[in-house]
Amino acid sequence: MSEWVTVSDRIRALGVPAGRKFSWEAGSAVRNLWASETGSLPPKSLRKKTQGGGTHCFAIYPPEWSSAIDEVILRKVALDGRQLRLF
């Protein structure tokens, strides 16, 4: 079984330059999509913070949700007029 993913994992995999605001907004949209499709909030996992020390409780999604998460992120990229990293 593949490891479950976070929205931050997918943001990094797509090469999106994202700060806290972008990440929070994308995460909120994915959480709402999950809730509308499953009727519950996503599971959470205590993981190392992306920046800085310590840990944080992240919403996690099954690997088969990666494409749905990517769609949410890329839609937000387009709305924000961001450019993906080229390298």
PDB file of N, CA and C in Angstrom:
ATOM      1  N   MET A   1       0.847  -1.190   0.000  1.00  0.00           N
ATOM      2  CA  MET A   1       0.000   0.000   0.000  1.00  0.00           C
ATOM      3  C   MET A   1       0.887   1.245   0.000  1.00  0.00           C
ATOM      4  N   SER A   2       0.581   2.175  -0.864  1.00  0.00           N
ATOM      5  CA  SER A   2       1.339   3.424  -0.938  1.00  0.00           C
ATOM      6  C   SER A   2       0.982   4.322   0.236  1.00  0.00           C
ATOM      7  N   GLU A   3       1.901   5.203   0.549  1.00  0.00           N
ATOM      8  CA  GLU A   3       1.693   6.133   1.653  1.00  0.00           C
ATOM      9  C   GLU A   3       0.659   7.190   1.284  1.00  0.00           C
ATOM     10  N   TRP A   4      -0.176   7.509   2.234  1.00  0.00           N
ATOM     11  CA  TRP A   4      -1.165   8.569   2.028  1.00  0.00           C
ATOM     12  C   TRP A   4      -0.450   9.906   1.877  1.00  0.00           C
ATOM     13  N   VAL A   5      -1.090  10.836   1.169  1.00  0.00           N
ATOM     14  CA  VAL A   5      -0.455  12.104   0.825  1.00  0.00           C
ATOM     15  C   VAL A   5      -1.158  13.281   1.485  1.00  0.00           C
ATOM     16  N   THR A   6      -0.410  14.377   1.600  1.00  0.00           N
ATOM     17  CA  THR A   6      -0.975  15.632   2.082  1.00  0.00           C
ATOM     18  C   THR A   6      -1.078  16.597   0.903  1.00  0.00           C
ATOM     19  N   VAL A   7      -1.824  17.653   1.076  1.00  0.00           N
ATOM     20  CA  VAL A   7      -1.903  18.688   0.049  1.00  0.00           C
ATOM     21  C   VAL A   7      -0.514  19.301  -0.147  1.00  0.00           C
ATOM     22  N   SER A   8       0.220  19.493   0.918  1.00  0.00           N
ATOM     23  CA  SER A   8       1.592  20.042   0.809  1.00  0.00           C
ATOM     24  C   SER A   8       2.489  19.128  -0.021  1.00  0.00           C
ATOM     25  N   ASP A   9       2.333  17.809   0.146  1.00  0.00           N
ATOM     26  CA  ASP A   9       3.109  16.865  -0.673  1.00  0.00           C
ATOM     27  C   ASP A   9       2.849  17.103  -2.154  1.00  0.00           C
ATOM     28  N   ARG A  10       1.590  17.261  -2.499  1.00  0.00           N
ATOM     29  CA  ARG A  10       1.203  17.438  -3.899  1.00  0.00           C
ATOM     30  C   ARG A  10       1.626  18.810  -4.429  1.00  0.00           C
ATOM     31  N   ILE A  11       1.559  19.844  -3.598  1.00  0.00           N
ATOM     32  CA  ILE A  11       2.022  21.176  -4.009  1.00  0.00           C
ATOM     33  C   ILE A  11       3.493  21.099  -4.390  1.00  0.00           C
ATOM     34  N   ARG A  12       4.293  20.453  -3.548  1.00  0.00           N
ATOM     35  CA  ARG A  12       5.725  20.306  -3.835  1.00  0.00           C
ATOM     36  C   ARG A  12       5.954  19.459  -5.081  1.00  0.00           C
ATOM     37  N   ALA A  13       5.223  18.362  -5.231  1.00  0.00           N
ATOM     38  CA  ALA A  13       5.391  17.472  -6.382  1.00  0.00           C
ATOM     39  C   ALA A  13       5.074  18.188  -7.695  1.00  0.00           C
ATOM     40  N   LEU A  14       4.126  19.110  -7.655  1.00  0.00           N
ATOM     41  CA  LEU A  14       3.754  19.864  -8.847  1.00  0.00           C
ATOM     42  C   LEU A  14       4.680  21.046  -9.113  1.00  0.00           C
ATOM     43  N   GLY A  15       5.539  21.378  -8.154  1.00  0.00           N
ATOM     44  CA  GLY A  15       6.462  22.492  -8.326  1.00  0.00           C
ATOM     45  C   GLY A  15       5.802  23.853  -8.202  1.00  0.00           C
ATOM     46  N   VAL A  16       4.761  23.928  -7.408  1.00  0.00           N
ATOM     47  CA  VAL A  16       4.044  25.197  -7.223  1.00  0.00           C
ATOM     48  C   VAL A  16       4.727  26.007  -6.129  1.00  0.00           C
ATOM     49  N   PRO A  17       5.141  27.242  -6.424  1.00  0.00           N
ATOM     50  CA  PRO A  17       5.679  28.095  -5.370  1.00  0.00           C
ATOM     51  C   PRO A  17       4.514  28.550  -4.483  1.00  0.00           C
ATOM     52  N   ALA A  18       4.486  28.069  -3.266  1.00  0.00           N
ATOM     53  CA  ALA A  18       3.331  28.322  -2.406  1.00  0.00           C
ATOM     54  C   ALA A  18       3.771  28.747  -1.014  1.00  0.00           C
ATOM     55  N   GLY A  19       3.111  29.755  -0.516  1.00  0.00           N
ATOM     56  CA  GLY A  19       3.303  30.165   0.863  1.00  0.00           C
ATOM     57  C   GLY A  19       2.184  29.592   1.715  1.00  0.00           C
ATOM     58  N   ARG A  20       2.129  30.049   2.937  1.00  0.00           N
ATOM     59  CA  ARG A  20       1.119  29.539   3.875  1.00  0.00           C
ATOM     60  C   ARG A  20      -0.305  29.801   3.399  1.00  0.00           C
ATOM     61  N   LYS A  21      -0.554  31.012   2.876  1.00  0.00           N
ATOM     62  CA  LYS A  21      -1.914  31.366   2.457  1.00  0.00           C
ATOM     63  C   LYS A  21      -2.394  30.454   1.328  1.00  0.00           C
ATOM     64  N   PHE A  22      -1.560  30.278   0.302  1.00  0.00           N
ATOM     65  CA  PHE A  22      -1.919  29.412  -0.815  1.00  0.00           C
ATOM     66  C   PHE A  22      -2.157  27.989  -0.311  1.00  0.00           C
ATOM     67  N   SER A  23      -1.240  27.475   0.493  1.00  0.00           N
ATOM     68  CA  SER A  23      -1.347  26.111   1.000  1.00  0.00           C
ATOM     69  C   SER A  23      -2.608  25.925   1.836  1.00  0.00           C
ATOM     70  N   TRP A  24      -2.902  26.894   2.690  1.00  0.00           N
ATOM     71  CA  TRP A  24      -4.095  26.802   3.531  1.00  0.00           C
ATOM     72  C   TRP A  24      -5.354  26.804   2.674  1.00  0.00           C
ATOM     73  N   GLU A  25      -5.412  27.698   1.697  1.00  0.00           N
ATOM     74  CA  GLU A  25      -6.602  27.789   0.843  1.00  0.00           C
ATOM     75  C   GLU A  25      -6.787  26.526   0.000  1.00  0.00           C
ATOM     76  N   ALA A  26      -5.696  25.996  -0.546  1.00  0.00           N
ATOM     77  CA  ALA A  26      -5.790  24.756  -1.320  1.00  0.00           C
ATOM     78  C   ALA A  26      -6.212  23.603  -0.408  1.00  0.00           C
ATOM     79  N   GLY A  27      -5.624  23.540   0.778  1.00  0.00           N
ATOM     80  CA  GLY A  27      -5.983  22.491   1.731  1.00  0.00           C
ATOM     81  C   GLY A  27      -7.445  22.560   2.133  1.00  0.00           C
ATOM     82  N   SER A  28      -7.946  23.755   2.321  1.00  0.00           N
ATOM     83  CA  SER A  28      -9.348  23.941   2.675  1.00  0.00           C
ATOM     84  C   SER A  28     -10.263  23.459   1.552  1.00  0.00           C
ATOM     85  N   ALA A  29      -9.906  23.781   0.312  1.00  0.00           N
ATOM     86  CA  ALA A  29     -10.711  23.355  -0.834  1.00  0.00           C
ATOM     87  C   ALA A  29     -10.710  21.831  -0.971  1.00  0.00           C
ATOM     88  N   VAL A  30      -9.557  21.200  -0.762  1.00  0.00           N
ATOM     89  CA  VAL A  30      -9.475  19.739  -0.845  1.00  0.00           C
ATOM     90  C   VAL A  30     -10.280  19.107   0.292  1.00  0.00           C
ATOM     91  N   ARG A  31     -10.165  19.650   1.490  1.00  0.00           N
ATOM     92  CA  ARG A  31     -10.937  19.135   2.629  1.00  0.00           C
ATOM     93  C   ARG A  31     -12.435  19.206   2.328  1.00  0.00           C
ATOM     94  N   ASN A  32     -12.883  20.325   1.757  1.00  0.00           N
ATOM     95  CA  ASN A  32     -14.304  20.482   1.432  1.00  0.00           C
ATOM     96  C   ASN A  32     -14.739  19.482   0.360  1.00  0.00           C
ATOM     97  N   LEU A  33     -13.875  19.239  -0.623  1.00  0.00           N
ATOM     98  CA  LEU A  33     -14.176  18.251  -1.657  1.00  0.00           C
ATOM     99  C   LEU A  33     -14.295  16.857  -1.037  1.00  0.00           C
ATOM    100  N   TRP A  34     -13.353  16.510  -0.170  1.00  0.00           N
ATOM    101  CA  TRP A  34     -13.377  15.214   0.517  1.00  0.00           C
ATOM    102  C   TRP A  34     -14.676  15.075   1.316  1.00  0.00           C
ATOM    103  N   ALA A  35     -15.004  16.110   2.065  1.00  0.00           N
ATOM    104  CA  ALA A  35     -16.210  16.068   2.902  1.00  0.00           C
ATOM    105  C   ALA A  35     -17.471  15.915   2.051  1.00  0.00           C
ATOM    106  N   SER A  36     -17.521  16.602   0.909  1.00  0.00           N
ATOM    107  CA  SER A  36     -18.715  16.506   0.073  1.00  0.00           C
ATOM    108  C   SER A  36     -18.837  15.122  -0.570  1.00  0.00           C
ATOM    109  N   GLU A  37     -17.712  14.479  -0.832  1.00  0.00           N
ATOM    110  CA  GLU A  37     -17.742  13.162  -1.471  1.00  0.00           C
ATOM    111  C   GLU A  37     -17.852  12.005  -0.483  1.00  0.00           C
ATOM    112  N   THR A  38     -17.371  12.212   0.749  1.00  0.00           N
ATOM    113  CA  THR A  38     -17.369  11.101   1.713  1.00  0.00           C
ATOM    114  C   THR A  38     -18.330  11.305   2.879  1.00  0.00           C
ATOM    115  N   GLY A  39     -18.744  12.536   3.098  1.00  0.00           N
ATOM    116  CA  GLY A  39     -19.615  12.817   4.236  1.00  0.00           C
ATOM    117  C   GLY A  39     -18.886  12.912   5.563  1.00  0.00           C
ATOM    118  N   SER A  40     -17.555  12.948   5.519  1.00  0.00           N
ATOM    119  CA  SER A  40     -16.776  13.068   6.757  1.00  0.00           C
ATOM    120  C   SER A  40     -15.515  13.891   6.485  1.00  0.00           C
ATOM    121  N   LEU A  41     -14.867  14.291   7.556  1.00  0.00           N
ATOM    122  CA  LEU A  41     -13.597  15.009   7.422  1.00  0.00           C
ATOM    123  C   LEU A  41     -12.487  14.005   7.124  1.00  0.00           C
ATOM    124  N   PRO A  42     -11.411  14.450   6.473  1.00  0.00           N
ATOM    125  CA  PRO A  42     -10.316  13.523   6.158  1.00  0.00           C
ATOM    126  C   PRO A  42      -9.587  13.087   7.420  1.00  0.00           C
ATOM    127  N   PRO A  43      -8.975  11.905   7.373  1.00  0.00           N
ATOM    128  CA  PRO A  43      -8.146  11.481   8.502  1.00  0.00           C
ATOM    129  C   PRO A  43      -6.946  12.403   8.640  1.00  0.00           C
ATOM    130  N   LYS A  44      -6.316  12.355   9.800  1.00  0.00           N
ATOM    131  CA  LYS A  44      -5.145  13.207  10.044  1.00  0.00           C
ATOM    132  C   LYS A  44      -3.981  12.371  10.534  1.00  0.00           C
ATOM    133  N   SER A  45      -2.803  12.925  10.321  1.00  0.00           N
ATOM    134  CA  SER A  45      -1.580  12.263  10.741  1.00  0.00           C
ATOM    135  C   SER A  45      -0.602  13.310  11.263  1.00  0.00           C
ATOM    136  N   LEU A  46       0.072  12.976  12.353  1.00  0.00           N
ATOM    137  CA  LEU A  46       1.083  13.858  12.910  1.00  0.00           C
ATOM    138  C   LEU A  46       2.358  13.664  12.093  1.00  0.00           C
ATOM    139  N   ARG A  47       2.790  14.737  11.416  1.00  0.00           N
ATOM    140  CA  ARG A  47       3.958  14.666  10.540  1.00  0.00           C
ATOM    141  C   ARG A  47       4.883  15.846  10.793  1.00  0.00           C
ATOM    142  N   LYS A  48       6.133  15.672  10.337  1.00  0.00           N
ATOM    143  CA  LYS A  48       7.124  16.737  10.468  1.00  0.00           C
ATOM    144  C   LYS A  48       6.672  17.946   9.660  1.00  0.00           C
ATOM    145  N   LYS A  49       6.842  19.137  10.217  1.00  0.00           N
ATOM    146  CA  LYS A  49       6.503  20.366   9.501  1.00  0.00           C
ATOM    147  C   LYS A  49       7.380  20.515   8.269  1.00  0.00           C
ATOM    148  N   THR A  50       6.808  21.132   7.237  1.00  0.00           N
ATOM    149  CA  THR A  50       7.540  21.363   6.002  1.00  0.00           C
ATOM    150  C   THR A  50       8.708  22.309   6.236  1.00  0.00           C
ATOM    151  N   GLN A  51       8.464  23.366   7.010  1.00  0.00           N
ATOM    152  CA  GLN A  51       9.511  24.328   7.341  1.00  0.00           C
ATOM    153  C   GLN A  51       9.573  24.475   8.851  1.00  0.00           C
ATOM    154  N   GLY A  52      10.752  24.619   9.356  1.00  0.00           N
ATOM    155  CA  GLY A  52      10.916  24.764  10.796  1.00  0.00           C
ATOM    156  C   GLY A  52      10.911  23.414  11.478  1.00  0.00           C
ATOM    157  N   GLY A  53      11.048  23.462  12.787  1.00  0.00           N
ATOM    158  CA  GLY A  53      11.088  22.224  13.549  1.00  0.00           C
ATOM    159  C   GLY A  53       9.720  21.802  14.040  1.00  0.00           C
ATOM    160  N   GLY A  54       9.671  20.646  14.615  1.00  0.00           N
ATOM    161  CA  GLY A  54       8.446  20.165  15.222  1.00  0.00           C
ATOM    162  C   GLY A  54       7.544  19.407  14.268  1.00  0.00           C
ATOM    163  N   THR A  55       6.352  19.121  14.758  1.00  0.00           N
ATOM    164  CA  THR A  55       5.381  18.363  13.980  1.00  0.00           C
ATOM    165  C   THR A  55       4.064  19.119  13.915  1.00  0.00           C
ATOM    166  N   HIS A  56       3.212  18.677  13.015  1.00  0.00           N
ATOM    167  CA  HIS A  56       1.917  19.305  12.817  1.00  0.00           C
ATOM    168  C   HIS A  56       0.944  18.202  12.402  1.00  0.00           C
ATOM    169  N   CYS A  57      -0.303  18.344  12.755  1.00  0.00           N
ATOM    170  CA  CYS A  57      -1.324  17.389  12.376  1.00  0.00           C
ATOM    171  C   CYS A  57      -1.854  17.766  10.982  1.00  0.00           C
ATOM    172  N   PHE A  58      -1.559  16.944   9.983  1.00  0.00           N
ATOM    173  CA  PHE A  58      -1.949  17.194   8.598  1.00  0.00           C
ATOM    174  C   PHE A  58      -3.114  16.293   8.199  1.00  0.00           C
ATOM    175  N   ALA A  59      -4.031  16.833   7.397  1.00  0.00           N
ATOM    176  CA  ALA A  59      -5.035  15.995   6.758  1.00  0.00           C
ATOM    177  C   ALA A  59      -4.303  15.128   5.737  1.00  0.00           C
ATOM    178  N   ILE A  60      -4.665  13.855   5.682  1.00  0.00           N
ATOM    179  CA  ILE A  60      -4.032  12.935   4.742  1.00  0.00           C
ATOM    180  C   ILE A  60      -5.099  12.310   3.845  1.00  0.00           C
ATOM    181  N   TYR A  61      -4.671  11.967   2.638  1.00  0.00           N
ATOM    182  CA  TYR A  61      -5.586  11.430   1.634  1.00  0.00           C
ATOM    183  C   TYR A  61      -4.955  10.200   0.993  1.00  0.00           C
ATOM    184  N   PRO A  62      -5.783   9.240   0.582  1.00  0.00           N
ATOM    185  CA  PRO A  62      -5.224   8.051  -0.074  1.00  0.00           C
ATOM    186  C   PRO A  62      -4.545   8.430  -1.383  1.00  0.00           C
ATOM    187  N   PRO A  63      -3.546   7.663  -1.793  1.00  0.00           N
ATOM    188  CA  PRO A  63      -2.790   8.012  -3.000  1.00  0.00           C
ATOM    189  C   PRO A  63      -3.678   8.154  -4.239  1.00  0.00           C
ATOM    190  N   GLU A  64      -4.766   7.416  -4.300  1.00  0.00           N
ATOM    191  CA  GLU A  64      -5.654   7.534  -5.465  1.00  0.00           C
ATOM    192  C   GLU A  64      -6.363   8.890  -5.524  1.00  0.00           C
ATOM    193  N   TRP A  65      -6.251   9.681  -4.470  1.00  0.00           N
ATOM    194  CA  TRP A  65      -6.812  11.035  -4.456  1.00  0.00           C
ATOM    195  C   TRP A  65      -5.832  12.071  -5.000  1.00  0.00           C
ATOM    196  N   SER A  66      -4.624  11.669  -5.326  1.00  0.00           N
ATOM    197  CA  SER A  66      -3.602  12.612  -5.800  1.00  0.00           C
ATOM    198  C   SER A  66      -4.079  13.427  -6.996  1.00  0.00           C
ATOM    199  N   SER A  67      -4.735  12.795  -7.955  1.00  0.00           N
ATOM    200  CA  SER A  67      -5.168  13.534  -9.150  1.00  0.00           C
ATOM    201  C   SER A  67      -6.248  14.556  -8.805  1.00  0.00           C
ATOM    202  N   ALA A  68      -7.143  14.231  -7.881  1.00  0.00           N
ATOM    203  CA  ALA A  68      -8.173  15.195  -7.461  1.00  0.00           C
ATOM    204  C   ALA A  68      -7.532  16.370  -6.726  1.00  0.00           C
ATOM    205  N   ILE A  69      -6.545  16.079  -5.890  1.00  0.00           N
ATOM    206  CA  ILE A  69      -5.830  17.134  -5.173  1.00  0.00           C
ATOM    207  C   ILE A  69      -5.092  18.019  -6.170  1.00  0.00           C
ATOM    208  N   ASP A  70      -4.431  17.392  -7.142  1.00  0.00           N
ATOM    209  CA  ASP A  70      -3.697  18.143  -8.168  1.00  0.00           C
ATOM    210  C   ASP A  70      -4.634  19.077  -8.935  1.00  0.00           C
ATOM    211  N   GLU A  71      -5.826  18.603  -9.262  1.00  0.00           N
ATOM    212  CA  GLU A  71      -6.797  19.444  -9.979  1.00  0.00           C
ATOM    213  C   GLU A  71      -7.157  20.683  -9.172  1.00  0.00           C
ATOM    214  N   VAL A  72      -7.380  20.510  -7.879  1.00  0.00           N
ATOM    215  CA  VAL A  72      -7.704  21.649  -7.010  1.00  0.00           C
ATOM    216  C   VAL A  72      -6.539  22.633  -6.990  1.00  0.00           C
ATOM    217  N   ILE A  73      -5.334  22.126  -6.826  1.00  0.00           N
ATOM    218  CA  ILE A  73      -4.145  22.984  -6.762  1.00  0.00           C
ATOM    219  C   ILE A  73      -3.947  23.729  -8.078  1.00  0.00           C
ATOM    220  N   LEU A  74      -4.015  23.014  -9.192  1.00  0.00           N
ATOM    221  CA  LEU A  74      -3.774  23.642 -10.495  1.00  0.00           C
ATOM    222  C   LEU A  74      -4.862  24.653 -10.853  1.00  0.00           C
ATOM    223  N   ARG A  75      -6.085  24.395 -10.434  1.00  0.00           N
ATOM    224  CA  ARG A  75      -7.159  25.374 -10.642  1.00  0.00           C
ATOM    225  C   ARG A  75      -6.851  26.647  -9.864  1.00  0.00           C
ATOM    226  N   LYS A  76      -6.360  26.485  -8.640  1.00  0.00           N
ATOM    227  CA  LYS A  76      -5.995  27.638  -7.822  1.00  0.00           C
ATOM    228  C   LYS A  76      -4.803  28.376  -8.420  1.00  0.00           C
ATOM    229  N   VAL A  77      -3.839  27.641  -8.953  1.00  0.00           N
ATOM    230  CA  VAL A  77      -2.688  28.257  -9.633  1.00  0.00           C
ATOM    231  C   VAL A  77      -3.177  29.138 -10.769  1.00  0.00           C
ATOM    232  N   ALA A  78      -4.084  28.608 -11.575  1.00  0.00           N
ATOM    233  CA  ALA A  78      -4.610  29.369 -12.721  1.00  0.00           C
ATOM    234  C   ALA A  78      -5.367  30.611 -12.257  1.00  0.00           C
ATOM    235  N   LEU A  79      -6.172  30.477 -11.218  1.00  0.00           N
ATOM    236  CA  LEU A  79      -6.934  31.618 -10.705  1.00  0.00           C
ATOM    237  C   LEU A  79      -6.022  32.696 -10.133  1.00  0.00           C
ATOM    238  N   ASP A  80      -4.943  32.259  -9.500  1.00  0.00           N
ATOM    239  CA  ASP A  80      -4.002  33.206  -8.889  1.00  0.00           C
ATOM    240  C   ASP A  80      -2.996  33.763  -9.893  1.00  0.00           C
ATOM    241  N   GLY A  81      -2.962  33.216 -11.104  1.00  0.00           N
ATOM    242  CA  GLY A  81      -1.998  33.662 -12.107  1.00  0.00           C
ATOM    243  C   GLY A  81      -0.570  33.294 -11.759  1.00  0.00           C
ATOM    244  N   ARG A  82      -0.383  32.197 -11.039  1.00  0.00           N
ATOM    245  CA  ARG A  82       0.958  31.753 -10.684  1.00  0.00           C
ATOM    246  C   ARG A  82       1.596  30.991 -11.833  1.00  0.00           C
ATOM    247  N   GLN A  83       2.904  30.925 -11.808  1.00  0.00           N
ATOM    248  CA  GLN A  83       3.631  30.111 -12.785  1.00  0.00           C
ATOM    249  C   GLN A  83       4.271  28.957 -12.039  1.00  0.00           C
ATOM    250  N   LEU A  84       4.164  27.772 -12.615  1.00  0.00           N
ATOM    251  CA  LEU A  84       4.830  26.621 -12.028  1.00  0.00           C
ATOM    252  C   LEU A  84       6.332  26.767 -12.216  1.00  0.00           C
ATOM    253  N   ARG A  85       7.116  26.201 -11.273  1.00  0.00           N
ATOM    254  CA  ARG A  85       8.564  26.207 -11.439  1.00  0.00           C
ATOM    255  C   ARG A  85       8.910  25.474 -12.725  1.00  0.00           C
ATOM    256  N   LEU A  86       9.857  26.000 -13.452  1.00  0.00           N
ATOM    257  CA  LEU A  86      10.229  25.397 -14.730  1.00  0.00           C
ATOM    258  C   LEU A  86      11.253  24.285 -14.570  1.00  0.00           C
ATOM    259  N   PHE A  87      11.976  24.260 -13.463  1.00  0.00           N
ATOM    260  CA  PHE A  87      13.013  23.246 -13.261  1.00  0.00           C
ATOM    261  C   PHE A  87      12.877  22.614 -11.911  1.00  0.00           C
TER     262      PHE A  87
END
